């Protein structure tokens, strides 16, 4: 999660919403990134999608044996990508009461309609993750 936090801090330096993510496979970081929606002029350029896409372009089809660390609870779009990429485990920091779907608004990862249900852990370094977001938006206002 510390690597994901460093990515979120890098996002702040680029005036992006500070959300960072990284993927770990066999104790090695295999992808890391942060939100780049402004830089790429792409509302889909969330940290989670960027790291999943990076691994897909390297030839990975499914990520069963990977852990995705992300500083904020995934939104519906990112949760869908996580399910489709079959990420084995998701670890996130801060809850997102406005658009989080890993427990806040609902939990799509437990929805029996889907054929993949990643292991889920929440609240890892939650205070640090939340503070980065709070400070960012406080300065914007």
N, C-alpha and C. Protein backbone atom coordinates (compact mmCIF):
# COMPACT_ATOMS: atom_id res chain seq x y z
N UNK A 1 0.82 -1.20 0.00
CA UNK A 1 0.00 0.00 0.00
C UNK A 1 0.87 1.26 0.00
N UNK A 2 2.05 1.15 0.56
CA UNK A 2 2.95 2.32 0.56
C UNK A 2 3.30 2.75 -0.87
N UNK A 3 3.47 1.80 -1.76
CA UNK A 3 3.77 2.12 -3.16
C UNK A 3 2.57 2.80 -3.80
N UNK A 4 1.39 2.31 -3.53
CA UNK A 4 0.17 2.94 -4.05
C UNK A 4 0.05 4.37 -3.51
N UNK A 5 0.39 4.58 -2.25
CA UNK A 5 0.36 5.93 -1.67
C UNK A 5 1.37 6.85 -2.35
N UNK A 6 2.54 6.34 -2.66
CA UNK A 6 3.54 7.16 -3.38
C UNK A 6 3.00 7.54 -4.76
N UNK A 7 2.30 6.63 -5.40
CA UNK A 7 1.68 6.94 -6.69
C UNK A 7 0.61 8.02 -6.52
N UNK A 8 -0.17 7.92 -5.45
CA UNK A 8 -1.19 8.94 -5.19
C UNK A 8 -0.55 10.31 -4.97
N UNK A 9 0.57 10.33 -4.28
CA UNK A 9 1.31 11.59 -4.07
C UNK A 9 1.82 12.14 -5.40
N UNK A 10 2.24 11.25 -6.30
CA UNK A 10 2.67 11.69 -7.63
C UNK A 10 1.50 12.30 -8.39
N UNK A 11 0.32 11.79 -8.17
CA UNK A 11 -0.87 12.35 -8.82
C UNK A 11 -1.10 13.79 -8.38
N UNK A 12 -0.92 14.06 -7.10
CA UNK A 12 -1.09 15.42 -6.59
C UNK A 12 -0.16 16.38 -7.32
N UNK A 13 1.08 15.96 -7.53
CA UNK A 13 2.06 16.81 -8.21
C UNK A 13 1.64 17.13 -9.65
N UNK A 14 0.77 16.30 -10.21
CA UNK A 14 0.27 16.52 -11.58
C UNK A 14 -1.15 17.07 -11.58
N UNK A 15 -1.61 17.50 -10.41
CA UNK A 15 -2.96 18.04 -10.23
C UNK A 15 -4.04 17.04 -10.62
N UNK A 16 -3.76 15.78 -10.35
CA UNK A 16 -4.73 14.70 -10.57
C UNK A 16 -5.31 14.31 -9.21
N UNK A 17 -6.50 13.77 -9.22
CA UNK A 17 -7.09 13.26 -7.98
C UNK A 17 -6.15 12.18 -7.44
N UNK A 18 -5.73 12.31 -6.18
CA UNK A 18 -4.68 11.44 -5.65
C UNK A 18 -5.14 10.02 -5.30
N UNK A 19 -5.19 9.21 -6.31
CA UNK A 19 -5.47 7.79 -6.14
C UNK A 19 -4.35 7.04 -6.83
N UNK A 20 -3.75 6.12 -6.10
CA UNK A 20 -2.66 5.32 -6.64
C UNK A 20 -2.97 3.85 -6.53
N UNK A 21 -2.33 3.07 -7.39
CA UNK A 21 -2.54 1.63 -7.39
C UNK A 21 -1.26 0.91 -7.78
N UNK A 22 -1.14 -0.31 -7.32
CA UNK A 22 -0.07 -1.18 -7.78
C UNK A 22 -0.55 -2.62 -7.74
N UNK A 23 0.08 -3.46 -8.56
CA UNK A 23 -0.25 -4.88 -8.60
C UNK A 23 0.98 -5.65 -8.18
N UNK A 24 0.77 -6.62 -7.30
CA UNK A 24 1.84 -7.46 -6.80
C UNK A 24 1.59 -8.90 -7.25
N UNK A 25 2.64 -9.52 -7.77
CA UNK A 25 2.59 -10.93 -8.18
C UNK A 25 3.83 -11.61 -7.62
N UNK A 26 3.63 -12.64 -6.82
CA UNK A 26 4.74 -13.38 -6.21
C UNK A 26 5.72 -12.44 -5.51
N UNK A 27 5.18 -11.55 -4.69
CA UNK A 27 5.96 -10.61 -3.88
C UNK A 27 6.75 -9.59 -4.70
N UNK A 28 6.41 -9.42 -5.97
CA UNK A 28 7.05 -8.43 -6.81
C UNK A 28 6.02 -7.46 -7.35
N UNK A 29 6.34 -6.17 -7.34
CA UNK A 29 5.46 -5.18 -7.95
C UNK A 29 5.62 -5.30 -9.46
N UNK A 30 4.51 -5.58 -10.14
CA UNK A 30 4.57 -5.77 -11.59
C UNK A 30 3.94 -4.62 -12.36
N UNK A 31 3.23 -3.75 -11.66
CA UNK A 31 2.65 -2.56 -12.30
C UNK A 31 2.30 -1.56 -11.21
N UNK A 32 2.46 -0.29 -11.53
CA UNK A 32 2.06 0.77 -10.60
C UNK A 32 1.73 2.02 -11.40
N UNK A 33 0.75 2.77 -10.91
CA UNK A 33 0.33 3.98 -11.60
C UNK A 33 -0.60 4.77 -10.69
N UNK A 34 -1.04 5.90 -11.20
CA UNK A 34 -1.98 6.75 -10.47
C UNK A 34 -2.99 7.31 -11.46
N UNK A 35 -4.02 7.94 -10.93
CA UNK A 35 -5.03 8.54 -11.81
C UNK A 35 -4.35 9.48 -12.81
N UNK A 36 -4.81 9.42 -14.04
CA UNK A 36 -4.27 10.28 -15.10
C UNK A 36 -5.39 10.82 -15.99
N UNK A 37 -6.54 11.07 -15.39
CA UNK A 37 -7.70 11.51 -16.17
C UNK A 37 -7.48 12.87 -16.83
N UNK A 38 -6.80 13.78 -16.13
CA UNK A 38 -6.52 15.11 -16.68
C UNK A 38 -5.44 15.03 -17.75
N UNK A 39 -4.35 14.37 -17.40
CA UNK A 39 -3.21 14.28 -18.30
C UNK A 39 -3.58 13.63 -19.64
N UNK A 40 -4.37 12.57 -19.58
CA UNK A 40 -4.73 11.83 -20.79
C UNK A 40 -6.06 12.29 -21.39
N UNK A 41 -6.71 13.25 -20.70
CA UNK A 41 -8.03 13.72 -21.13
C UNK A 41 -8.97 12.54 -21.34
N UNK A 42 -8.97 11.66 -20.33
CA UNK A 42 -9.71 10.40 -20.43
C UNK A 42 -10.34 10.09 -19.08
N UNK A 43 -11.66 10.16 -18.98
CA UNK A 43 -12.31 9.88 -17.70
C UNK A 43 -12.16 8.43 -17.24
N UNK A 44 -11.69 7.57 -18.13
CA UNK A 44 -11.50 6.17 -17.78
C UNK A 44 -10.11 5.88 -17.23
N UNK A 45 -9.23 6.86 -17.19
CA UNK A 45 -7.84 6.66 -16.79
C UNK A 45 -7.67 6.63 -15.28
N UNK A 46 -8.43 5.75 -14.64
CA UNK A 46 -8.30 5.55 -13.19
C UNK A 46 -7.08 4.66 -12.93
N UNK A 47 -6.50 4.80 -11.77
CA UNK A 47 -5.28 4.07 -11.41
C UNK A 47 -5.46 2.57 -11.59
N UNK A 48 -6.58 2.03 -11.15
CA UNK A 48 -6.82 0.59 -11.25
C UNK A 48 -6.83 0.12 -12.70
N UNK A 49 -7.52 0.87 -13.55
CA UNK A 49 -7.60 0.48 -14.96
C UNK A 49 -6.23 0.58 -15.62
N UNK A 50 -5.46 1.58 -15.26
CA UNK A 50 -4.14 1.74 -15.88
C UNK A 50 -3.22 0.58 -15.55
N UNK A 51 -3.22 0.12 -14.30
CA UNK A 51 -2.33 -1.00 -13.96
C UNK A 51 -2.84 -2.31 -14.55
N UNK A 52 -4.14 -2.51 -14.57
CA UNK A 52 -4.69 -3.72 -15.20
C UNK A 52 -4.38 -3.72 -16.69
N UNK A 53 -4.60 -2.59 -17.35
CA UNK A 53 -4.30 -2.50 -18.79
C UNK A 53 -2.83 -2.74 -19.09
N UNK A 54 -1.96 -2.23 -18.24
CA UNK A 54 -0.52 -2.44 -18.44
C UNK A 54 -0.20 -3.93 -18.45
N UNK A 55 -0.78 -4.66 -17.50
CA UNK A 55 -0.50 -6.09 -17.44
C UNK A 55 -1.13 -6.84 -18.61
N UNK A 56 -2.29 -6.39 -19.05
CA UNK A 56 -2.94 -7.03 -20.20
C UNK A 56 -2.09 -6.85 -21.47
N UNK A 57 -1.50 -5.68 -21.63
CA UNK A 57 -0.67 -5.44 -22.82
C UNK A 57 0.64 -6.24 -22.77
N UNK A 58 1.01 -6.69 -21.58
CA UNK A 58 2.22 -7.53 -21.43
C UNK A 58 1.89 -9.00 -21.65
N UNK A 59 0.63 -9.29 -21.93
CA UNK A 59 0.27 -10.68 -22.23
C UNK A 59 -0.49 -11.41 -21.14
N UNK A 60 -0.72 -10.78 -20.01
CA UNK A 60 -1.51 -11.43 -18.96
C UNK A 60 -2.98 -11.35 -19.34
N UNK A 61 -3.66 -12.49 -19.32
CA UNK A 61 -5.09 -12.46 -19.62
C UNK A 61 -5.89 -12.34 -18.33
N UNK A 62 -5.52 -13.16 -17.36
CA UNK A 62 -6.20 -13.13 -16.07
C UNK A 62 -5.18 -12.95 -14.96
N UNK A 63 -5.61 -12.32 -13.88
CA UNK A 63 -4.72 -11.96 -12.78
C UNK A 63 -5.10 -12.69 -11.49
N UNK A 64 -5.47 -13.95 -11.61
CA UNK A 64 -5.88 -14.74 -10.45
C UNK A 64 -4.89 -14.68 -9.30
N UNK A 65 -3.62 -14.75 -9.62
CA UNK A 65 -2.58 -14.83 -8.59
C UNK A 65 -1.93 -13.49 -8.29
N UNK A 66 -2.68 -12.43 -8.52
CA UNK A 66 -2.18 -11.07 -8.26
C UNK A 66 -3.01 -10.38 -7.19
N UNK A 67 -2.37 -9.43 -6.51
CA UNK A 67 -3.05 -8.57 -5.55
C UNK A 67 -2.99 -7.14 -6.06
N UNK A 68 -4.14 -6.51 -6.13
CA UNK A 68 -4.24 -5.10 -6.50
C UNK A 68 -4.37 -4.28 -5.23
N UNK A 69 -3.45 -3.35 -5.04
CA UNK A 69 -3.50 -2.40 -3.93
C UNK A 69 -3.95 -1.07 -4.51
N UNK A 70 -4.94 -0.44 -3.89
CA UNK A 70 -5.42 0.86 -4.35
C UNK A 70 -5.78 1.70 -3.14
N UNK A 71 -5.51 2.99 -3.21
CA UNK A 71 -5.67 3.86 -2.06
C UNK A 71 -7.12 4.21 -1.74
N UNK A 72 -8.01 4.05 -2.71
CA UNK A 72 -9.42 4.36 -2.50
C UNK A 72 -10.27 3.19 -2.98
N UNK A 73 -11.34 2.95 -2.27
CA UNK A 73 -12.29 1.90 -2.64
C UNK A 73 -12.68 2.03 -4.12
N UNK A 74 -12.63 0.95 -4.87
CA UNK A 74 -12.93 1.03 -6.31
C UNK A 74 -14.36 1.48 -6.61
N UNK A 75 -14.48 2.20 -7.74
CA UNK A 75 -15.79 2.60 -8.25
C UNK A 75 -16.35 1.43 -9.07
N UNK A 76 -17.56 1.60 -9.58
CA UNK A 76 -18.21 0.53 -10.33
C UNK A 76 -17.42 0.16 -11.59
N UNK A 77 -16.91 1.15 -12.31
CA UNK A 77 -16.13 0.87 -13.52
C UNK A 77 -14.90 0.03 -13.19
N UNK A 78 -14.17 0.44 -12.17
CA UNK A 78 -12.95 -0.28 -11.80
C UNK A 78 -13.26 -1.67 -11.25
N UNK A 79 -14.33 -1.77 -10.49
CA UNK A 79 -14.75 -3.07 -9.97
C UNK A 79 -15.08 -4.02 -11.11
N UNK A 80 -15.74 -3.51 -12.14
CA UNK A 80 -16.03 -4.34 -13.31
C UNK A 80 -14.77 -4.84 -13.97
N UNK A 81 -13.78 -3.97 -14.11
CA UNK A 81 -12.50 -4.36 -14.71
C UNK A 81 -11.79 -5.40 -13.84
N UNK A 82 -11.86 -5.22 -12.53
CA UNK A 82 -11.24 -6.17 -11.60
C UNK A 82 -11.88 -7.55 -11.75
N UNK A 83 -13.19 -7.58 -11.86
CA UNK A 83 -13.90 -8.85 -12.02
C UNK A 83 -13.55 -9.48 -13.37
N UNK A 84 -13.57 -8.70 -14.44
CA UNK A 84 -13.29 -9.24 -15.77
C UNK A 84 -11.85 -9.72 -15.91
N UNK A 85 -10.91 -9.02 -15.25
CA UNK A 85 -9.50 -9.43 -15.29
C UNK A 85 -9.22 -10.55 -14.29
N UNK A 86 -10.21 -10.86 -13.48
CA UNK A 86 -10.11 -11.93 -12.48
C UNK A 86 -8.94 -11.74 -11.52
N UNK A 87 -8.83 -10.51 -11.01
CA UNK A 87 -7.82 -10.19 -10.00
C UNK A 87 -8.12 -11.04 -8.77
N UNK A 88 -7.10 -11.68 -8.24
CA UNK A 88 -7.29 -12.59 -7.12
C UNK A 88 -7.61 -11.93 -5.79
N UNK A 89 -7.01 -10.78 -5.56
CA UNK A 89 -7.18 -10.12 -4.27
C UNK A 89 -7.14 -8.61 -4.48
N UNK A 90 -8.01 -7.90 -3.76
CA UNK A 90 -8.05 -6.44 -3.80
C UNK A 90 -7.87 -5.92 -2.38
N UNK A 91 -6.91 -5.02 -2.21
CA UNK A 91 -6.66 -4.40 -0.92
C UNK A 91 -6.79 -2.89 -1.15
N UNK A 92 -7.68 -2.26 -0.37
CA UNK A 92 -7.80 -0.81 -0.54
C UNK A 92 -7.72 -0.09 0.78
N UNK A 93 -7.42 1.21 0.68
CA UNK A 93 -7.24 2.04 1.86
C UNK A 93 -8.53 2.66 2.34
N UNK A 94 -8.83 3.85 1.82
CA UNK A 94 -9.98 4.63 2.29
C UNK A 94 -11.28 4.18 1.64
N UNK A 95 -12.34 4.25 2.41
CA UNK A 95 -13.68 4.00 1.87
C UNK A 95 -14.11 5.20 1.04
N UNK A 96 -14.99 4.94 0.08
CA UNK A 96 -15.54 6.01 -0.76
C UNK A 96 -17.05 5.97 -0.65
N UNK A 97 -17.61 6.75 0.28
CA UNK A 97 -19.06 6.71 0.50
C UNK A 97 -19.89 7.23 -0.67
N UNK A 98 -19.26 7.95 -1.61
CA UNK A 98 -20.00 8.50 -2.75
C UNK A 98 -20.07 7.55 -3.94
N UNK A 99 -19.01 6.78 -4.16
CA UNK A 99 -19.05 5.90 -5.33
C UNK A 99 -18.34 4.56 -5.15
N UNK A 100 -17.99 4.22 -3.93
CA UNK A 100 -17.32 2.94 -3.68
C UNK A 100 -18.28 1.76 -3.74
N UNK A 101 -17.87 0.72 -4.45
CA UNK A 101 -18.74 -0.45 -4.59
C UNK A 101 -18.08 -1.72 -4.07
N UNK A 102 -17.20 -1.55 -3.10
CA UNK A 102 -16.58 -2.69 -2.43
C UNK A 102 -16.99 -2.69 -0.96
N UNK A 103 -18.20 -2.20 -0.71
CA UNK A 103 -18.71 -2.19 0.65
C UNK A 103 -19.45 -0.93 1.04
N UNK A 104 -19.15 0.21 0.41
CA UNK A 104 -19.80 1.46 0.82
C UNK A 104 -21.21 1.57 0.27
N UNK A 105 -21.36 1.70 -1.04
CA UNK A 105 -22.69 1.78 -1.64
C UNK A 105 -23.30 0.39 -1.80
N UNK A 106 -22.48 -0.53 -2.21
CA UNK A 106 -22.83 -1.95 -2.35
C UNK A 106 -21.52 -2.70 -2.46
N UNK A 107 -21.59 -4.01 -2.61
CA UNK A 107 -20.37 -4.78 -2.78
C UNK A 107 -20.54 -5.70 -3.98
N UNK A 108 -20.08 -5.24 -5.13
CA UNK A 108 -20.21 -6.05 -6.35
C UNK A 108 -19.32 -7.28 -6.30
N UNK A 109 -18.29 -7.25 -5.48
CA UNK A 109 -17.39 -8.40 -5.40
C UNK A 109 -18.06 -9.59 -4.72
N UNK A 110 -19.13 -9.36 -3.99
CA UNK A 110 -19.87 -10.45 -3.36
C UNK A 110 -21.15 -10.81 -4.11
N UNK A 111 -21.43 -10.10 -5.17
CA UNK A 111 -22.65 -10.35 -5.95
C UNK A 111 -22.56 -11.72 -6.62
N UNK A 112 -23.50 -12.58 -6.32
CA UNK A 112 -23.50 -13.96 -6.84
C UNK A 112 -23.73 -14.01 -8.35
N UNK A 113 -24.15 -12.90 -8.96
CA UNK A 113 -24.38 -12.86 -10.40
C UNK A 113 -23.08 -12.98 -11.19
N UNK A 114 -21.97 -12.57 -10.58
CA UNK A 114 -20.70 -12.58 -11.26
C UNK A 114 -19.98 -13.90 -11.04
N UNK A 115 -19.14 -14.27 -12.00
CA UNK A 115 -18.44 -15.55 -11.91
C UNK A 115 -17.07 -15.45 -11.24
N UNK A 116 -16.70 -14.26 -10.78
CA UNK A 116 -15.43 -14.11 -10.09
C UNK A 116 -15.63 -13.24 -8.87
N UNK A 117 -15.03 -13.67 -7.76
CA UNK A 117 -15.18 -12.96 -6.48
C UNK A 117 -13.81 -12.84 -5.83
N UNK A 118 -13.12 -11.72 -6.07
CA UNK A 118 -11.78 -11.58 -5.48
C UNK A 118 -11.85 -11.49 -3.96
N UNK A 119 -10.79 -11.92 -3.34
CA UNK A 119 -10.64 -11.72 -1.90
C UNK A 119 -10.55 -10.21 -1.69
N UNK A 120 -11.11 -9.72 -0.61
CA UNK A 120 -11.18 -8.27 -0.39
C UNK A 120 -10.71 -7.93 1.01
N UNK A 121 -9.85 -6.90 1.09
CA UNK A 121 -9.41 -6.38 2.39
C UNK A 121 -9.49 -4.87 2.31
N UNK A 122 -10.10 -4.26 3.30
CA UNK A 122 -10.27 -2.80 3.30
C UNK A 122 -9.59 -2.19 4.52
N UNK A 123 -9.40 -0.88 4.44
CA UNK A 123 -8.91 -0.13 5.59
C UNK A 123 -7.41 -0.12 5.80
N UNK A 124 -6.63 -0.61 4.84
CA UNK A 124 -5.18 -0.63 4.99
C UNK A 124 -4.63 0.79 4.78
N UNK A 125 -4.00 1.32 5.80
CA UNK A 125 -3.50 2.71 5.79
C UNK A 125 -4.60 3.69 5.43
N UNK A 126 -5.81 3.39 5.87
CA UNK A 126 -6.99 4.18 5.51
C UNK A 126 -6.85 5.65 5.86
N UNK A 127 -6.35 5.95 7.04
CA UNK A 127 -6.24 7.35 7.46
C UNK A 127 -5.30 8.13 6.55
N UNK A 128 -4.17 7.54 6.19
CA UNK A 128 -3.23 8.22 5.30
C UNK A 128 -3.82 8.42 3.90
N UNK A 129 -4.49 7.39 3.41
CA UNK A 129 -5.12 7.48 2.09
C UNK A 129 -6.20 8.55 2.07
N UNK A 130 -7.03 8.57 3.10
CA UNK A 130 -8.12 9.55 3.18
C UNK A 130 -7.59 10.96 3.33
N UNK A 131 -6.55 11.14 4.14
CA UNK A 131 -5.98 12.47 4.36
C UNK A 131 -5.45 13.08 3.06
N UNK A 132 -4.82 12.27 2.25
CA UNK A 132 -4.30 12.75 0.97
C UNK A 132 -5.44 13.29 0.10
N UNK A 133 -6.55 12.59 0.06
CA UNK A 133 -7.72 13.03 -0.71
C UNK A 133 -8.35 14.27 -0.10
N UNK A 134 -8.52 14.27 1.21
CA UNK A 134 -9.13 15.41 1.90
C UNK A 134 -8.32 16.68 1.68
N UNK A 135 -7.01 16.58 1.85
CA UNK A 135 -6.13 17.74 1.64
C UNK A 135 -6.22 18.24 0.20
N UNK A 136 -6.22 17.33 -0.76
CA UNK A 136 -6.28 17.70 -2.17
C UNK A 136 -7.55 18.50 -2.46
N UNK A 137 -8.70 17.98 -2.01
CA UNK A 137 -9.96 18.67 -2.31
C UNK A 137 -10.12 19.94 -1.49
N UNK A 138 -9.57 19.98 -0.29
CA UNK A 138 -9.62 21.19 0.53
C UNK A 138 -8.87 22.33 -0.18
N UNK A 139 -7.73 22.02 -0.76
CA UNK A 139 -6.95 23.03 -1.47
C UNK A 139 -7.64 23.47 -2.75
N UNK A 140 -8.43 22.59 -3.35
CA UNK A 140 -9.16 22.93 -4.58
C UNK A 140 -10.29 23.91 -4.29
N UNK A 141 -10.86 23.83 -3.10
CA UNK A 141 -12.00 24.67 -2.75
C UNK A 141 -11.50 25.93 -2.14
